[in-house]
All heavy atoms as atom14 arrays in JSON, in Angstrom:
{
  "sequence": "RVIQGDRSLEGLACGVDTDGALLVEIEGARRRVL",
  "atom14_mask": [
    [1, 1, 1, 1, 1, 1, 1, 1, 1, 1, 1, 0, 0, 0],
    [1, 1, 1, 1, 1, 1, 1, 0, 0, 0, 0, 0, 0, 0],
    [1, 1, 1, 1, 1, 1, 1, 1, 0, 0, 0, 0, 0, 0],
    [1, 1, 1, 1, 1, 1, 1, 1, 1, 0, 0, 0, 0, 0],
    [1, 1, 1, 1, 0, 0, 0, 0, 0, 0, 0, 0, 0, 0],
    [1, 1, 1, 1, 1, 1, 1, 1, 0, 0, 0, 0, 0, 0],
    [1, 1, 1, 1, 1, 1, 1, 1, 1, 1, 1, 0, 0, 0],
    [1, 1, 1, 1, 1, 1, 0, 0, 0, 0, 0, 0, 0, 0],
    [1, 1, 1, 1, 1, 1, 1, 1, 0, 0, 0, 0, 0, 0],
    [1, 1, 1, 1, 1, 1, 1, 1, 1, 0, 0, 0, 0, 0],
    [1, 1, 1, 1, 0, 0, 0, 0, 0, 0, 0, 0, 0, 0],
    [1, 1, 1, 1, 1, 1, 1, 1, 0, 0, 0, 0, 0, 0],
    [1, 1, 1, 1, 1, 0, 0, 0, 0, 0, 0, 0, 0, 0],
    [1, 1, 1, 1, 1, 1, 0, 0, 0, 0, 0, 0, 0, 0],
    [1, 1, 1, 1, 0, 0, 0, 0, 0, 0, 0, 0, 0, 0],
    [1, 1, 1, 1, 1, 1, 1, 0, 0, 0, 0, 0, 0, 0],
    [1, 1, 1, 1, 1, 1, 1, 1, 0, 0, 0, 0, 0, 0],
    [1, 1, 1, 1, 1, 1, 1, 0, 0, 0, 0, 0, 0, 0],
    [1, 1, 1, 1, 1, 1, 1, 1, 0, 0, 0, 0, 0, 0],
    [1, 1, 1, 1, 0, 0, 0, 0, 0, 0, 0, 0, 0, 0],
    [1, 1, 1, 1, 1, 0, 0, 0, 0, 0, 0, 0, 0, 0],
    [1, 1, 1, 1, 1, 1, 1, 1, 0, 0, 0, 0, 0, 0],
    [1, 1, 1, 1, 1, 1, 1, 1, 0, 0, 0, 0, 0, 0],
    [1, 1, 1, 1, 1, 1, 1, 0, 0, 0, 0, 0, 0, 0],
    [1, 1, 1, 1, 1, 1, 1, 1, 1, 0, 0, 0, 0, 0],
    [1, 1, 1, 1, 1, 1, 1, 1, 0, 0, 0, 0, 0, 0],
    [1, 1, 1, 1, 1, 1, 1, 1, 1, 0, 0, 0, 0, 0],
    [1, 1, 1, 1, 0, 0, 0, 0, 0, 0, 0, 0, 0, 0],
    [1, 1, 1, 1, 1, 0, 0, 0, 0, 0, 0, 0, 0, 0],
    [1, 1, 1, 1, 1, 1, 1, 1, 1, 1, 1, 0, 0, 0],
    [1, 1, 1, 1, 1, 1, 1, 1, 1, 1, 1, 0, 0, 0],
    [1, 1, 1, 1, 1, 1, 1, 1, 1, 1, 1, 0, 0, 0],
    [1, 1, 1, 1, 1, 1, 1, 0, 0, 0, 0, 0, 0, 0],
    [1, 1, 1, 1, 1, 1, 1, 1, 0, 0, 0, 0, 0, 0]
  ],
  "atom14_positions": [
    [[-12.59, -5.41, 28.49], [-11.52, -4.62, 27.87], [-10.3, -5.52, 27.79], [-9.87, -6.07, 28.79], [-11.21, -3.39, 28.72], [-10.1, -2.53, 28.15], [-9.88, -1.26, 28.98], [-11.09, -0.46, 28.98], [-11.77, -0.12, 30.1], [-11.35, -0.52, 31.27], [-12.85, 0.61, 30.02], [0.0, 0.0, 0.0], [0.0, 0.0, 0.0], [0.0, 0.0, 0.0]],
    [[-9.77, -5.67, 26.6], [-8.58, -6.47, 26.38], [-7.42, -5.5, 26.18], [-7.46, -4.67, 25.28], [-8.72, -7.4, 25.15], [-7.45, -8.2, 24.93], [-9.92, -8.32, 25.32], [0.0, 0.0, 0.0], [0.0, 0.0, 0.0], [0.0, 0.0, 0.0], [0.0, 0.0, 0.0], [0.0, 0.0, 0.0], [0.0, 0.0, 0.0], [0.0, 0.0, 0.0]],
    [[-6.4, -5.63, 27.03], [-5.26, -4.73, 26.95], [-4.05, -5.54, 26.47], [-3.68, -6.52, 27.1], [-4.97, -4.1, 28.32], [-6.21, -3.35, 28.81], [-3.76, -3.19, 28.25], [-6.15, -2.98, 30.27], [0.0, 0.0, 0.0], [0.0, 0.0, 0.0], [0.0, 0.0, 0.0], [0.0, 0.0, 0.0], [0.0, 0.0, 0.0], [0.0, 0.0, 0.0]],
    [[-3.49, -5.12, 25.35], [-2.31, -5.78, 24.78], [-1.27, -4.7, 24.53], [-1.34, -3.99, 23.53], [-2.66, -6.48, 23.48], [-3.65, -7.62, 23.65], [-4.05, -8.22, 22.33], [-4.48, -7.52, 21.44], [-3.9, -9.53, 22.21], [0.0, 0.0, 0.0], [0.0, 0.0, 0.0], [0.0, 0.0, 0.0], [0.0, 0.0, 0.0], [0.0, 0.0, 0.0]],
    [[-0.33, -4.57, 25.46], [0.68, -3.52, 25.33], [0.02, -2.17, 25.4], [-0.71, -1.87, 26.33], [0.0, 0.0, 0.0], [0.0, 0.0, 0.0], [0.0, 0.0, 0.0], [0.0, 0.0, 0.0], [0.0, 0.0, 0.0], [0.0, 0.0, 0.0], [0.0, 0.0, 0.0], [0.0, 0.0, 0.0], [0.0, 0.0, 0.0], [0.0, 0.0, 0.0]],
    [[0.19, -1.35, 24.36], [-0.42, -0.02, 24.34], [-1.76, 0.01, 23.62], [-2.38, 1.05, 23.49], [0.54, 1.01, 23.73], [0.92, 0.69, 22.29], [0.58, -0.4, 21.81], [1.57, 1.55, 21.66], [0.0, 0.0, 0.0], [0.0, 0.0, 0.0], [0.0, 0.0, 0.0], [0.0, 0.0, 0.0], [0.0, 0.0, 0.0], [0.0, 0.0, 0.0]],
    [[-2.23, -1.15, 23.15], [-3.55, -1.26, 22.5], [-4.6, -1.69, 23.5], [-4.35, -2.51, 24.37], [-3.51, -2.3, 21.39], [-2.88, -1.83, 20.13], [-2.96, -2.86, 19.02], [-4.14, -3.71, 19.13], [-4.29, -4.86, 18.48], [-3.33, -5.3, 17.71], [-5.38, -5.57, 18.61], [0.0, 0.0, 0.0], [0.0, 0.0, 0.0], [0.0, 0.0, 0.0]],
    [[-5.8, -1.17, 23.35], [-6.92, -1.54, 24.2], [-8.15, -1.71, 23.33], [-8.44, -0.86, 22.49], [-7.16, -0.45, 25.25], [-8.26, -0.79, 26.05], [0.0, 0.0, 0.0], [0.0, 0.0, 0.0], [0.0, 0.0, 0.0], [0.0, 0.0, 0.0], [0.0, 0.0, 0.0], [0.0, 0.0, 0.0], [0.0, 0.0, 0.0], [0.0, 0.0, 0.0]],
    [[-8.83, -2.84, 23.49], [-10.04, -3.14, 22.72], [-11.17, -3.44, 23.68], [-10.96, -4.08, 24.71], [-9.81, -4.35, 21.81], [-8.63, -4.31, 20.86], [-8.38, -5.69, 20.29], [-8.9, -3.31, 19.75], [0.0, 0.0, 0.0], [0.0, 0.0, 0.0], [0.0, 0.0, 0.0], [0.0, 0.0, 0.0], [0.0, 0.0, 0.0], [0.0, 0.0, 0.0]],
    [[-12.38, -3.0, 23.36], [-13.54, -3.33, 24.18], [-14.53, -4.09, 23.33], [-14.71, -3.8, 22.15], [-14.17, -2.07, 24.76], [-13.31, -1.43, 25.8], [-13.99, -0.28, 26.52], [-15.21, -0.08, 26.32], [-13.3, 0.41, 27.29], [0.0, 0.0, 0.0], [0.0, 0.0, 0.0], [0.0, 0.0, 0.0], [0.0, 0.0, 0.0], [0.0, 0.0, 0.0]],
    [[-15.16, -5.08, 23.96], [-16.15, -5.87, 23.25], [-16.88, -6.79, 24.21], [-16.82, -6.62, 25.43], [0.0, 0.0, 0.0], [0.0, 0.0, 0.0], [0.0, 0.0, 0.0], [0.0, 0.0, 0.0], [0.0, 0.0, 0.0], [0.0, 0.0, 0.0], [0.0, 0.0, 0.0], [0.0, 0.0, 0.0], [0.0, 0.0, 0.0], [0.0, 0.0, 0.0]],
    [[-17.54, -7.77, 23.66], [-18.32, -8.73, 24.44], [-17.59, -10.06, 24.46], [-17.27, -10.63, 23.41], [-19.7, -8.9, 23.79], [-20.71, -9.75, 24.54], [-21.13, -9.06, 25.84], [-21.92, -10.01, 23.67], [0.0, 0.0, 0.0], [0.0, 0.0, 0.0], [0.0, 0.0, 0.0], [0.0, 0.0, 0.0], [0.0, 0.0, 0.0], [0.0, 0.0, 0.0]],
    [[-17.31, -10.57, 25.65], [-16.63, -11.87, 25.78], [-17.58, -12.97, 25.31], [-18.74, -13.01, 25.69], [-16.21, -12.11, 27.23], [0.0, 0.0, 0.0], [0.0, 0.0, 0.0], [0.0, 0.0, 0.0], [0.0, 0.0, 0.0], [0.0, 0.0, 0.0], [0.0, 0.0, 0.0], [0.0, 0.0, 0.0], [0.0, 0.0, 0.0], [0.0, 0.0, 0.0]],
    [[-17.04, -13.88, 24.49], [-17.84, -14.96, 23.91], [-17.23, -16.32, 24.19], [-17.36, -17.25, 23.39], [-17.98, -14.75, 22.4], [-18.76, -13.21, 21.94], [0.0, 0.0, 0.0], [0.0, 0.0, 0.0], [0.0, 0.0, 0.0], [0.0, 0.0, 0.0], [0.0, 0.0, 0.0], [0.0, 0.0, 0.0], [0.0, 0.0, 0.0], [0.0, 0.0, 0.0]],
    [[-16.54, -16.47, 25.32], [-15.95, -17.76, 25.67], [-14.59, -17.96, 25.02], [-13.91, -17.0, 24.66], [0.0, 0.0, 0.0], [0.0, 0.0, 0.0], [0.0, 0.0, 0.0], [0.0, 0.0, 0.0], [0.0, 0.0, 0.0], [0.0, 0.0, 0.0], [0.0, 0.0, 0.0], [0.0, 0.0, 0.0], [0.0, 0.0, 0.0], [0.0, 0.0, 0.0]],
    [[-14.22, -19.21, 24.86], [-12.95, -19.57, 24.23], [-13.21, -20.57, 23.11], [-14.22, -21.27, 23.12], [-11.93, -20.14, 25.24], [-11.56, -19.11, 26.29], [-12.44, -21.41, 25.89], [0.0, 0.0, 0.0], [0.0, 0.0, 0.0], [0.0, 0.0, 0.0], [0.0, 0.0, 0.0], [0.0, 0.0, 0.0], [0.0, 0.0, 0.0], [0.0, 0.0, 0.0]],
    [[-12.28, -20.62, 22.16], [-12.44, -21.58, 21.07], [-11.71, -22.88, 21.39], [-11.21, -23.07, 22.5], [-12.01, -20.98, 19.73], [-10.52, -20.72, 19.61], [-9.75, -21.13, 20.51], [-10.12, -20.09, 18.62], [0.0, 0.0, 0.0], [0.0, 0.0, 0.0], [0.0, 0.0, 0.0], [0.0, 0.0, 0.0], [0.0, 0.0, 0.0], [0.0, 0.0, 0.0]],
    [[-11.62, -23.77, 20.41], [-11.03, -25.09, 20.65], [-9.53, -25.04, 20.93], [-8.97, -26.0, 21.42], [-11.28, -26.03, 19.46], [-10.77, -25.42, 18.27], [-12.77, -26.31, 19.3], [0.0, 0.0, 0.0], [0.0, 0.0, 0.0], [0.0, 0.0, 0.0], [0.0, 0.0, 0.0], [0.0, 0.0, 0.0], [0.0, 0.0, 0.0], [0.0, 0.0, 0.0]],
    [[-8.89, -23.91, 20.61], [-7.47, -23.73, 20.91], [-7.26, -23.04, 22.25], [-6.13, -22.84, 22.67], [-6.78, -22.9, 19.83], [-6.73, -23.61, 18.49], [-6.64, -24.84, 18.49], [-6.79, -22.92, 17.46], [0.0, 0.0, 0.0], [0.0, 0.0, 0.0], [0.0, 0.0, 0.0], [0.0, 0.0, 0.0], [0.0, 0.0, 0.0], [0.0, 0.0, 0.0]],
    [[-8.34, -22.6, 22.89], [-8.23, -21.86, 24.14], [-8.12, -20.36, 23.94], [-7.92, -19.62, 24.9], [0.0, 0.0, 0.0], [0.0, 0.0, 0.0], [0.0, 0.0, 0.0], [0.0, 0.0, 0.0], [0.0, 0.0, 0.0], [0.0, 0.0, 0.0], [0.0, 0.0, 0.0], [0.0, 0.0, 0.0], [0.0, 0.0, 0.0], [0.0, 0.0, 0.0]],
    [[-8.24, -19.88, 22.7], [-8.18, -18.45, 22.43], [-9.44, -17.78, 22.97], [-10.54, -18.31, 22.81], [-8.05, -18.18, 20.94], [0.0, 0.0, 0.0], [0.0, 0.0, 0.0], [0.0, 0.0, 0.0], [0.0, 0.0, 0.0], [0.0, 0.0, 0.0], [0.0, 0.0, 0.0], [0.0, 0.0, 0.0], [0.0, 0.0, 0.0], [0.0, 0.0, 0.0]],
    [[-9.28, -16.63, 23.59], [-10.41, -15.84, 24.05], [-11.15, -15.3, 22.83], [-10.53, -14.78, 21.9], [-9.93, -14.68, 24.92], [-11.0, -13.69, 25.37], [-12.0, -14.36, 26.31], [-10.34, -12.5, 26.05], [0.0, 0.0, 0.0], [0.0, 0.0, 0.0], [0.0, 0.0, 0.0], [0.0, 0.0, 0.0], [0.0, 0.0, 0.0], [0.0, 0.0, 0.0]],
    [[-12.46, -15.45, 22.81], [-13.27, -14.91, 21.72], [-13.94, -13.64, 22.21], [-14.61, -13.64, 23.25], [-14.32, -15.93, 21.28], [-13.77, -17.25, 20.75], [-14.9, -18.24, 20.5], [-12.96, -17.02, 19.48], [0.0, 0.0, 0.0], [0.0, 0.0, 0.0], [0.0, 0.0, 0.0], [0.0, 0.0, 0.0], [0.0, 0.0, 0.0], [0.0, 0.0, 0.0]],
    [[-13.76, -12.55, 21.48], [-14.35, -11.27, 21.84], [-15.04, -10.7, 20.62], [-14.44, -10.6, 19.54], [-13.28, -10.27, 22.35], [-13.91, -8.94, 22.72], [-12.52, -10.84, 23.54], [0.0, 0.0, 0.0], [0.0, 0.0, 0.0], [0.0, 0.0, 0.0], [0.0, 0.0, 0.0], [0.0, 0.0, 0.0], [0.0, 0.0, 0.0], [0.0, 0.0, 0.0]],
    [[-16.31, -10.33, 20.78], [-17.04, -9.69, 19.69], [-16.81, -8.19, 19.78], [-17.14, -7.56, 20.79], [-18.53, -10.0, 19.79], [-19.31, -9.49, 18.6], [-20.76, -9.91, 18.65], [-21.03, -11.11, 18.83], [-21.61, -9.01, 18.51], [0.0, 0.0, 0.0], [0.0, 0.0, 0.0], [0.0, 0.0, 0.0], [0.0, 0.0, 0.0], [0.0, 0.0, 0.0]],
    [[-16.21, -7.64, 18.72], [-15.88, -6.22, 18.68], [-16.51, -5.64, 17.41], [-16.2, -6.09, 16.3], [-14.35, -5.99, 18.67], [-13.74, -6.6, 19.94], [-14.02, -4.5, 18.55], [-12.24, -6.64, 19.95], [0.0, 0.0, 0.0], [0.0, 0.0, 0.0], [0.0, 0.0, 0.0], [0.0, 0.0, 0.0], [0.0, 0.0, 0.0], [0.0, 0.0, 0.0]],
    [[-17.42, -4.69, 17.6], [-18.11, -4.05, 16.49], [-18.72, -5.07, 15.53], [-18.56, -4.97, 14.32], [-17.17, -3.08, 15.76], [-16.69, -1.95, 16.64], [-15.7, -1.03, 15.93], [-15.37, -1.27, 14.75], [-15.26, -0.08, 16.59], [0.0, 0.0, 0.0], [0.0, 0.0, 0.0], [0.0, 0.0, 0.0], [0.0, 0.0, 0.0], [0.0, 0.0, 0.0]],
    [[-19.36, -6.09, 16.07], [-20.06, -7.08, 15.27], [-19.2, -8.19, 14.71], [-19.72, -9.13, 14.12], [0.0, 0.0, 0.0], [0.0, 0.0, 0.0], [0.0, 0.0, 0.0], [0.0, 0.0, 0.0], [0.0, 0.0, 0.0], [0.0, 0.0, 0.0], [0.0, 0.0, 0.0], [0.0, 0.0, 0.0], [0.0, 0.0, 0.0], [0.0, 0.0, 0.0]],
    [[-17.89, -8.12, 14.9], [-17.01, -9.17, 14.39], [-16.38, -9.92, 15.56], [-15.92, -9.31, 16.53], [-15.91, -8.57, 13.51], [0.0, 0.0, 0.0], [0.0, 0.0, 0.0], [0.0, 0.0, 0.0], [0.0, 0.0, 0.0], [0.0, 0.0, 0.0], [0.0, 0.0, 0.0], [0.0, 0.0, 0.0], [0.0, 0.0, 0.0], [0.0, 0.0, 0.0]],
    [[-16.37, -11.23, 15.48], [-15.77, -12.06, 16.53], [-14.27, -12.19, 16.27], [-13.86, -12.57, 15.18], [-16.43, -13.43, 16.56], [-16.07, -14.21, 17.81], [-16.92, -15.43, 17.93], [-18.22, -15.03, 18.47], [-19.1, -15.87, 18.99], [-18.82, -17.15, 19.04], [-20.24, -15.45, 19.45], [0.0, 0.0, 0.0], [0.0, 0.0, 0.0], [0.0, 0.0, 0.0]],
    [[-13.46, -11.84, 17.28], [-12.01, -11.9, 17.14], [-11.44, -12.88, 18.14], [-11.92, -13.0, 19.26], [-11.4, -10.51, 17.39], [-11.84, -9.52, 16.33], [-11.23, -8.18, 16.5], [-9.78, -8.25, 16.53], [-9.0, -7.2, 16.62], [-9.5, -6.0, 16.68], [-7.69, -7.33, 16.66], [0.0, 0.0, 0.0], [0.0, 0.0, 0.0], [0.0, 0.0, 0.0]],
    [[-10.38, -13.57, 17.72], [-9.63, -14.48, 18.59], [-8.53, -13.67, 19.24], [-7.82, -12.93, 18.57], [-8.99, -15.61, 17.79], [-9.98, -16.49, 17.1], [-9.28, -17.54, 16.24], [-8.76, -18.58, 17.12], [-7.5, -18.99, 17.14], [-6.61, -18.46, 16.33], [-7.11, -19.93, 17.97], [0.0, 0.0, 0.0], [0.0, 0.0, 0.0], [0.0, 0.0, 0.0]],
    [[-8.38, -13.81, 20.54], [-7.33, -13.1, 21.26], [-6.34, -14.12, 21.78], [-6.64, -14.92, 22.65], [-7.91, -12.25, 22.42], [-6.8, -11.56, 23.17], [-8.93, -11.25, 21.89], [0.0, 0.0, 0.0], [0.0, 0.0, 0.0], [0.0, 0.0, 0.0], [0.0, 0.0, 0.0], [0.0, 0.0, 0.0], [0.0, 0.0, 0.0], [0.0, 0.0, 0.0]],
    [[-5.15, -14.12, 21.19], [-4.04, -14.98, 21.6], [-2.84, -14.08, 21.8], [-2.43, -13.4, 20.86], [-3.7, -16.01, 20.52], [-4.58, -17.24, 20.44], [-4.23, -18.06, 19.21], [-4.45, -18.09, 21.68], [0.0, 0.0, 0.0], [0.0, 0.0, 0.0], [0.0, 0.0, 0.0], [0.0, 0.0, 0.0], [0.0, 0.0, 0.0], [0.0, 0.0, 0.0]]
  ]
}
């Protein structure tokens, strides 16, 4: 669960990318969390 202020997202952690951004797969789409 990624909590950003009042937003909360759940997904599958997929490591980090070359910038160090957390990669989370949410509903089939991979998102960068910075």
